[in-house]
Protein backbone atom coordinates (compact mmCIF):
# COMPACT_ATOMS: atom_id res chain seq x y z
CA MET A 1 0.00 0.00 0.00
CA VAL A 2 1.30 3.45 -0.92
CA LYS A 3 2.06 5.48 2.22
CA ILE A 4 1.42 9.22 2.06
CA ILE A 5 2.56 11.67 4.73
CA ILE A 6 0.64 14.94 4.97
CA ALA A 7 2.25 17.80 6.88
CA GLY A 8 -0.53 19.98 8.30
CA GLY A 9 -3.83 19.13 9.97
CA GLY A 10 -5.92 22.05 8.75
CA ILE A 11 -8.91 21.96 6.42
CA GLY A 12 -6.83 21.02 3.37
CA GLY A 13 -4.65 18.43 5.06
CA LEU A 14 -7.53 16.63 6.76
CA THR A 15 -9.68 16.65 3.63
CA ALA A 16 -6.75 15.25 1.68
CA GLY A 17 -6.41 12.55 4.32
CA LEU A 18 -10.07 11.60 3.94
CA CYS A 19 -9.95 11.58 0.13
CA LEU A 20 -6.73 9.57 0.01
CA HIS A 21 -7.89 7.09 2.64
CA GLU A 22 -11.11 6.55 0.73
CA ALA A 23 -9.00 5.86 -2.38
CA GLY A 24 -7.07 3.12 -0.56
CA PHE A 25 -3.86 4.89 0.45
CA GLU A 26 -2.22 4.70 3.87
CA VAL A 27 -2.30 8.21 5.29
CA THR A 28 -0.54 9.91 8.18
CA VAL A 29 -1.37 13.54 8.95
CA LEU A 30 1.17 15.42 11.08
CA GLU A 31 -0.04 18.52 12.94
CA SER A 32 2.46 20.87 14.58
CA VAL A 33 0.42 21.84 17.64
CA ALA A 34 0.21 19.46 20.59
CA GLU A 35 -3.56 19.87 20.90
CA ILE A 36 -5.90 20.77 18.06
CA ARG A 37 -8.40 23.33 19.31
CA PRO A 38 -11.40 24.84 17.49
CA LEU A 39 -9.75 28.15 16.63
CA GLY A 40 -10.78 30.86 14.21
CA VAL A 41 -14.14 32.28 13.30
CA GLY A 42 -16.34 31.84 10.25
CA ILE A 43 -15.42 30.47 6.84
CA ASN A 44 -17.43 29.53 3.78
CA VAL A 45 -17.36 26.31 1.80
CA MET A 46 -18.38 26.90 -1.80
CA SER A 47 -20.79 24.54 -3.54
CA SER A 48 -18.06 22.73 -5.50
CA ALA A 49 -16.10 22.00 -2.33
CA ALA A 50 -19.24 21.23 -0.33
CA LYS A 51 -20.14 18.53 -2.86
CA ILE A 52 -16.79 16.87 -2.24
CA LEU A 53 -17.38 16.87 1.52
CA ARG A 54 -20.91 15.57 1.08
CA ASP A 55 -19.66 12.82 -1.24
CA LEU A 56 -17.26 11.83 1.56
CA GLY A 57 -20.32 11.07 3.69
CA LEU A 58 -20.31 14.30 5.72
CA ALA A 59 -23.62 15.77 4.50
CA GLU A 60 -25.64 14.94 7.61
CA ALA A 61 -22.97 16.29 9.96
CA LEU A 62 -22.58 19.49 7.94
CA ASP A 63 -26.32 20.06 7.72
CA ALA A 64 -26.57 19.77 11.50
CA ILE A 65 -24.05 22.48 12.36
CA ALA A 66 -23.51 24.76 9.33
CA ILE A 67 -25.72 27.37 7.73
CA GLN A 68 -26.77 26.62 4.17
CA THR A 69 -26.23 30.07 2.71
CA ARG A 70 -29.20 31.22 0.64
CA CYS A 71 -27.45 34.07 -1.14
CA ILE A 72 -24.82 36.79 -0.94
CA GLU A 73 -26.17 40.32 -0.91
CA TYR A 74 -23.80 43.02 -2.16
CA ARG A 75 -24.77 46.45 -0.82
CA THR A 76 -23.58 50.04 -0.90
CA ARG A 77 -22.67 51.81 2.32
CA PHE A 78 -26.07 53.49 2.06
CA GLY A 79 -27.87 50.15 2.16
CA HIS A 80 -28.77 49.84 -1.54
CA LEU A 81 -28.99 46.24 -2.72
CA ILE A 82 -26.56 46.07 -5.65
CA GLN A 83 -26.92 42.38 -6.35
CA SER A 84 -28.33 39.24 -4.74
CA ASP A 85 -26.20 36.26 -5.80
CA PRO A 86 -27.97 32.95 -4.95
CA ARG A 87 -25.72 30.20 -3.59
CA ASN A 88 -28.07 27.29 -2.80
CA MET A 89 -29.15 24.13 -4.58
CA ALA A 90 -32.45 25.75 -5.56
CA ALA A 91 -30.37 28.09 -7.74
CA GLY A 92 -28.88 25.15 -9.63
CA PHE A 93 -25.70 24.43 -7.68
CA PRO A 94 -24.76 20.78 -7.02
CA ALA A 95 -24.52 21.32 -3.27
CA PRO A 96 -25.19 24.08 -0.73
CA GLN A 97 -22.72 26.77 0.16
CA TYR A 98 -21.98 26.29 3.85
CA SER A 99 -21.12 29.03 6.33
CA ILE A 100 -19.49 27.45 9.36
CA HIS A 101 -17.10 28.07 12.24
CA ARG A 102 -13.64 27.08 11.02
CA GLY A 103 -12.90 25.14 14.20
CA GLU A 104 -16.11 23.14 13.93
CA LEU A 105 -15.32 22.17 10.34
CA GLN A 106 -11.78 21.19 11.29
CA PHE A 107 -13.03 18.99 14.15
CA LEU A 108 -15.65 17.39 11.92
CA LEU A 109 -12.91 16.42 9.45
CA LEU A 110 -10.54 15.34 12.22
CA GLU A 111 -13.07 13.05 13.88
CA ALA A 112 -14.10 11.55 10.55
CA LEU A 113 -10.50 10.76 9.57
CA ARG A 114 -9.66 9.20 12.92
CA ALA A 115 -12.85 7.14 12.84
CA ARG A 116 -12.11 5.82 9.36
CA ALA A 117 -8.32 5.53 9.30
CA GLY A 118 -7.60 4.99 13.00
CA ALA A 119 -6.49 7.30 15.80
CA ALA A 120 -2.84 7.11 14.70
CA ALA A 121 -3.73 8.59 11.30
CA VAL A 122 -3.47 12.07 12.85
CA GLN A 123 -0.44 12.78 15.04
CA THR A 124 -0.21 16.06 16.97
CA GLY A 125 2.85 17.83 18.30
CA ARG A 126 4.82 16.91 15.15
CA PRO A 127 6.00 20.14 13.49
CA VAL A 128 7.72 19.37 10.20
CA THR A 129 10.86 21.36 9.39
CA GLY A 130 11.62 20.04 5.92
CA TYR A 131 11.96 16.98 3.73
CA ARG A 132 14.36 14.79 1.82
CA GLN A 133 13.77 12.17 -0.82
CA ASP A 134 15.37 9.57 -3.05
CA ALA A 135 14.23 7.37 -5.91
CA ALA A 136 12.39 5.00 -3.57
CA GLY A 137 10.57 7.34 -1.19
CA ALA A 138 10.36 10.63 0.72
CA GLU A 139 10.53 11.61 4.34
CA VAL A 140 9.64 14.56 6.50
CA LEU A 141 12.16 15.95 8.97
CA PHE A 142 11.62 17.06 12.56
CA ALA A 143 13.51 19.57 14.69
CA ASP A 144 14.98 16.87 16.95
CA GLY A 145 16.75 15.24 14.01
CA SER A 146 14.27 12.39 13.59
CA SER A 147 12.27 11.72 10.44
CA LEU A 148 9.27 9.81 9.14
CA ARG A 149 9.45 8.02 5.81
CA GLY A 150 6.75 7.28 3.29
CA ASP A 151 6.28 6.99 -0.44
CA LEU A 152 4.98 10.54 -1.00
CA VAL A 153 4.85 13.78 1.03
CA VAL A 154 2.21 16.52 0.88
CA GLY A 155 2.96 19.94 2.35
CA ALA A 156 -0.28 21.42 3.67
CA GLU A 157 1.08 23.51 6.55
CA GLY A 158 -0.44 26.79 5.45
CA LEU A 159 0.93 30.27 4.80
CA ARG A 160 4.34 29.66 6.41
CA SER A 161 4.93 26.16 5.06
CA PRO A 162 8.51 24.91 5.69
CA ILE A 163 8.07 22.46 2.82
CA ARG A 164 7.23 25.32 0.44
CA ALA A 165 10.19 27.30 1.78
CA GLN A 166 12.57 24.41 1.07
CA MET A 167 11.09 23.72 -2.36
CA HIS A 168 11.22 27.43 -3.29
CA PRO A 169 14.14 29.01 -1.38
CA GLY A 170 13.85 32.16 -3.51
CA ASP A 171 10.15 32.62 -2.78
CA GLY A 172 9.30 36.30 -2.44
CA PRO A 173 7.88 38.04 0.62
CA LEU A 174 4.26 38.16 1.64
CA ASN A 175 2.21 40.58 -0.45
CA TYR A 176 0.21 43.17 1.47
CA GLU A 177 -2.18 45.44 -0.41
CA GLY A 178 -2.86 47.77 2.51
CA THR A 179 -6.06 46.34 4.00
CA MET A 180 -6.39 45.39 7.66
CA MET A 181 -9.12 42.93 8.58
CA PHE A 182 -10.79 42.99 11.98
CA ARG A 183 -12.82 39.87 12.76
CA GLY A 184 -15.16 38.57 15.39
CA ALA A 185 -18.27 36.54 16.11
CA VAL A 186 -21.16 37.36 18.42
CA GLU A 187 -24.47 35.69 19.18
CA MET A 188 -27.37 38.04 18.51
CA PRO A 189 -30.89 38.11 17.05
CA MET A 190 -31.11 36.85 13.48
CA ILE A 191 -30.61 39.32 10.67
CA GLY A 192 -33.30 38.85 8.03
CA ASP A 193 -33.87 35.21 7.12
CA GLY A 194 -30.85 33.99 9.12
CA CYS A 195 -29.09 32.45 6.11
CA THR A 196 -27.92 35.42 4.03
CA MET A 197 -24.38 36.72 3.69
CA VAL A 198 -24.05 40.51 3.41
CA ILE A 199 -21.06 42.34 1.91
CA ALA A 200 -21.34 46.13 2.08
CA GLY A 201 -19.12 49.10 1.25
CA ASP A 202 -16.21 49.13 -1.16
CA HIS A 203 -12.55 48.19 -1.50
CA ASP A 204 -11.42 50.88 0.96
CA CYS A 205 -13.97 50.20 3.70
CA LYS A 206 -16.00 47.01 3.70
CA PHE A 207 -18.19 45.08 6.12
CA VAL A 208 -18.95 41.38 5.71
CA THR A 209 -21.30 39.39 7.91
CA TYR A 210 -22.97 35.99 7.87
CA PRO A 211 -24.39 33.49 10.39
CA ILE A 212 -22.32 30.36 11.05
CA SER A 213 -24.40 28.11 13.33
CA GLU A 214 -27.44 26.09 12.31
CA GLN A 215 -27.96 25.18 15.97
CA SER A 216 -28.30 28.87 16.89
CA ARG A 217 -30.62 29.48 13.94
CA ARG A 218 -32.98 26.76 15.10
CA LYS A 219 -33.29 28.64 18.39
CA GLY A 220 -34.16 31.85 16.58
CA ARG A 221 -30.72 33.34 17.22
CA ALA A 222 -27.60 33.82 15.10
CA LEU A 223 -23.96 33.20 15.87
CA THR A 224 -22.92 36.06 13.60
CA ASN A 225 -19.48 36.14 12.03
CA TRP A 226 -18.24 39.51 10.80
CA VAL A 227 -15.23 41.04 9.09
CA ALA A 228 -14.52 44.77 9.04
CA GLU A 229 -11.93 45.73 6.42
CA ILE A 230 -10.15 49.07 6.27
CA ARG A 231 -7.55 49.97 3.69
CA HIS A 232 -4.54 51.90 4.97
CA SER A 233 -1.91 53.76 3.00
CA ALA A 234 1.01 51.98 4.68
CA PRO A 235 1.66 48.39 5.84
CA ARG A 236 1.22 47.51 9.51
CA HIS A 237 3.15 44.67 11.22
CA ILE A 238 3.26 42.73 7.98
CA ASP A 239 6.49 40.91 8.90
CA ASP A 240 4.80 39.11 11.78
CA ALA A 241 1.48 38.67 9.98
CA ASP A 242 -0.80 36.61 12.15
CA TRP A 243 -4.09 36.91 13.99
CA ARG A 244 -3.72 39.31 16.93
CA ARG A 245 -6.26 39.65 19.69
CA GLY A 246 -7.29 42.84 21.37
CA ALA A 247 -7.79 45.33 18.56
CA THR A 248 -8.50 48.91 19.59
CA MET A 249 -11.98 50.34 19.01
CA ASP A 250 -10.73 52.88 16.47
CA TYR A 251 -11.62 50.63 13.55
CA ILE A 252 -15.35 51.03 14.32
CA THR A 253 -15.43 54.76 13.45
CA PRO A 254 -15.82 54.53 9.64
CA PHE A 255 -18.63 51.99 9.98
CA ARG A 256 -20.83 54.31 12.02
CA ALA A 257 -21.76 56.04 8.78
CA PHE A 258 -23.01 52.83 7.12
CA GLN A 259 -26.79 52.80 6.72
CA MET A 260 -28.11 49.22 6.66
CA PRO A 261 -31.89 48.73 6.85
CA ASP A 262 -31.67 45.54 8.91
CA MET A 263 -28.62 45.92 11.15
CA ASP A 264 -26.63 48.38 13.22
CA ILE A 265 -23.05 47.61 12.23
CA ALA A 266 -21.43 49.66 14.99
CA ALA A 267 -23.59 47.92 17.60
CA ILE A 268 -22.53 44.49 16.28
CA LEU A 269 -18.87 45.44 16.49
CA GLU A 270 -19.21 46.93 19.97
CA ALA A 271 -21.02 43.84 21.27
CA THR A 272 -18.17 41.50 20.28
CA GLU A 273 -15.89 40.61 23.19
CA ILE A 274 -12.94 39.16 21.26
CA VAL A 275 -11.75 40.92 18.11
CA THR A 276 -8.72 39.84 16.08
CA GLU A 277 -6.86 41.71 13.39
CA PHE A 278 -4.86 40.54 10.44
CA PRO A 279 -3.40 42.15 7.31
CA MET A 280 -4.88 40.99 4.00
CA ILE A 281 -1.98 39.10 2.44
CA ASP A 282 -1.13 36.51 -0.18
CA ARG A 283 1.94 35.24 -2.01
CA ASP A 284 2.82 35.39 -5.69
CA PRO A 285 1.77 32.24 -7.57
CA LEU A 286 4.44 29.56 -7.82
CA PRO A 287 5.78 28.15 -11.10
CA PHE A 288 5.47 24.60 -9.72
CA TRP A 289 4.16 22.78 -6.64
CA THR A 290 5.83 19.41 -7.08
CA GLU A 291 9.40 18.23 -6.68
CA GLY A 292 9.76 14.50 -7.25
CA ARG A 293 7.77 12.77 -4.51
CA VAL A 294 6.78 15.95 -2.68
CA THR A 295 3.95 18.34 -3.48
CA LEU A 296 2.06 21.28 -1.96
CA LEU A 297 -1.64 21.76 -1.21
CA GLY A 298 -3.95 24.51 0.06
CA ASP A 299 -2.44 27.69 1.50
CA ALA A 300 1.03 26.16 1.29
CA ALA A 301 0.59 26.13 -2.48
CA HIS A 302 -1.60 29.16 -3.15
CA PRO A 303 -2.36 31.55 -0.26
CA MET A 304 -4.91 34.08 -1.51
CA TYR A 305 -6.79 37.15 -0.38
CA PRO A 306 -9.97 36.11 1.47
CA ILE A 307 -12.21 37.43 -1.28
CA GLY A 308 -14.92 35.35 -2.85
CA ALA A 309 -14.85 32.98 0.16
CA ASN A 310 -12.47 30.65 -1.65
CA GLY A 311 -9.43 29.87 0.54
CA ALA A 312 -10.78 26.74 2.24
CA SER A 313 -12.77 25.73 -0.82
CA GLN A 314 -9.72 25.70 -3.09
CA ALA A 315 -7.90 23.51 -0.55
CA VAL A 316 -10.78 21.01 -0.62
CA LEU A 317 -10.69 21.01 -4.43
CA ASP A 318 -6.93 20.36 -4.24
CA ALA A 319 -7.54 17.38 -1.96
CA ARG A 320 -10.02 15.75 -4.31
CA ALA A 321 -7.83 16.35 -7.37
CA LEU A 322 -4.79 14.92 -5.57
CA ALA A 323 -6.62 11.72 -4.64
CA ASP A 324 -8.00 11.32 -8.15
CA ALA A 325 -4.60 11.86 -9.78
CA LEU A 326 -2.84 9.42 -7.46
CA THR A 327 -5.54 6.82 -7.97
CA ALA A 328 -4.75 6.93 -11.69
CA ALA A 329 -0.96 7.06 -11.16
CA PRO A 330 0.16 6.36 -7.55
CA GLY A 331 3.59 7.98 -7.63
CA PRO A 332 5.48 11.08 -8.75
CA GLU A 333 3.65 11.05 -12.08
CA GLY A 334 0.37 11.33 -10.16
CA LEU A 335 1.69 14.34 -8.27
CA ARG A 336 2.63 15.98 -11.56
CA ALA A 337 -0.85 15.30 -12.93
CA TYR A 338 -2.39 16.83 -9.82
CA GLU A 339 -0.27 19.94 -10.26
CA ALA A 340 -1.15 20.20 -13.94
CA ALA A 341 -4.85 20.05 -13.06
CA ARG A 342 -4.89 22.46 -10.14
CA LEU A 343 -2.03 24.96 -10.40
CA PRO A 344 -3.47 26.99 -13.32
CA ILE A 345 -6.90 27.20 -11.67
CA ALA A 346 -5.57 28.24 -8.26
CA THR A 347 -3.24 30.78 -9.89
CA ASN A 348 -6.18 32.36 -11.69
CA VAL A 349 -8.15 32.58 -8.42
CA VAL A 350 -5.22 34.28 -6.65
CA ARG A 351 -5.01 36.86 -9.43
CA ALA A 352 -8.77 37.34 -9.64
CA ASN A 353 -8.95 37.94 -5.89
CA ARG A 354 -6.33 40.66 -6.18
CA LEU A 355 -8.70 42.43 -8.56
CA GLY A 356 -11.65 42.08 -6.18
CA GLY A 357 -13.21 38.86 -7.44
CA PRO A 358 -17.02 38.98 -7.32
CA GLU A 359 -16.77 41.99 -5.00
CA GLN A 360 -15.86 44.19 -7.95
CA VAL A 361 -19.56 45.06 -8.03
CA LEU A 362 -19.00 47.03 -4.80
CA ASP A 363 -16.48 49.32 -6.46
CA ILE A 364 -18.62 49.69 -9.57
CA ALA A 365 -21.46 50.90 -7.34
CA ALA A 366 -19.25 53.06 -5.12
CA ALA A 367 -17.99 54.95 -8.18
CA ARG A 368 -21.55 55.82 -9.28
CA VAL A 369 -23.76 56.00 -6.19
CA THR A 370 -23.45 59.29 -4.33
CA GLY A 371 -26.16 59.01 -1.67
CA PRO A 372 -29.13 57.09 -0.28
CA GLU A 373 -31.53 58.70 -2.73
CA ASP A 374 -29.80 57.28 -5.81
CA ARG A 375 -31.37 54.32 -7.60
CA ILE A 376 -29.04 51.41 -8.39
CA GLU A 377 -31.04 50.38 -11.43
CA ASP A 378 -30.48 53.85 -12.95
CA LEU A 379 -26.71 53.61 -12.57
CA ILE A 380 -25.69 49.97 -13.15
CA THR A 381 -27.00 47.48 -15.68
CA GLN A 382 -27.93 43.95 -14.72
CA ASP A 383 -25.67 42.67 -17.47
CA GLU A 384 -22.66 44.31 -15.80
CA LEU A 385 -23.46 42.65 -12.48
CA ASP A 386 -24.20 39.25 -13.98
CA GLU A 387 -20.96 39.20 -15.93
CA VAL A 388 -18.84 39.86 -12.80
CA ALA A 389 -20.54 37.02 -10.92
CA ALA A 390 -20.46 34.56 -13.82
CA ASN A 391 -16.81 35.27 -14.63
CA TYR A 392 -15.69 34.60 -11.06
CA ARG A 393 -17.71 31.39 -10.87
CA ARG A 394 -15.89 30.19 -13.99
CA ILE A 395 -12.48 31.10 -12.58
CA ALA A 396 -13.09 29.58 -9.14
CA GLY A 397 -14.84 26.46 -10.42
CA PHE A 398 -18.26 26.63 -8.80
CA THR A 399 -20.49 27.00 -11.82
CA LYS A 400 -24.11 25.96 -11.75
CA ALA A 401 -25.27 22.74 -13.32
CA GLY A 402 -25.26 23.12 -17.08
CA GLY A 403 -23.05 26.22 -17.19
């Protein structure tokens, strides 16, 4: 049996473990932290990625804890509805879009992998520092000088992947486009129907919110995830880019002027006890992900701006493509086929996100709408809006059935 070692127990690494185990490979996932805890706040799983998770037998578990997002509403800062982009199966997608707490999704995947492949399939407290390989196999290296050998190695350790760093020693620095993101989650009364994602503002000042708990929704409440983005003229602590707790309240000021008909944005921000901040960053696309028996996956391969809700989804798509390619060719040639299938797509998503992805409609509106009395339909054509949405769906790979 082909043995595959996966460095990194995040969304991508665990999904890869499930896909590869299902395909008949022996899988060991190595996670650097000693104890995996449900960290983070909300993320979205696009329909294409959700179908993969559902096909892995996780539909019932996902439906029990995650919100099936009905649509994404793009709004101006004055509350105009620019566009309502449906994201559910009723709109023709093969699976729901899920909004879920990142930690809950990670634990769902972790428990499923351990149940199917055995408790030893995921080992914690095993930070990987690098790799070496020969014609017969590959191994990951640990800080204490020990190693673990297998047939293939997958680097899925995220933004600061040591495997990526070794494979690409000349890799450039993190890219920062000037936007700071403040994030939090707070339980509160439902906004609207309790299953809509709202993105309001423009590239310089944007507010995103969506519910992330089906259990709260069934009680008539909403565990509400939010992101407040503010573009600055100069970078801030980019060299140590990471989530930081305890943001000051200054970031709330520009959002007091937002006029939403169904929510008080400033009140939501003020009610949140724990707020984290992070610069919006990515890395330049790589020319290759694979070196012999070693390959990259997820954020280790293609970290991207969190626009279009695609970071986790692209990692899930990587996992499925990797398992399919290795099933057809269980060796280095399979890794090369995986790269050939996924690298161009992920590269296009990284570049599209830098241009605003589907959120370009916000900037189109911001350039034309001057106040609450303006009428969107007088200033923007439906064809313009539809083309932005359709183009991004094509790039990111979550088109509706039949097109």
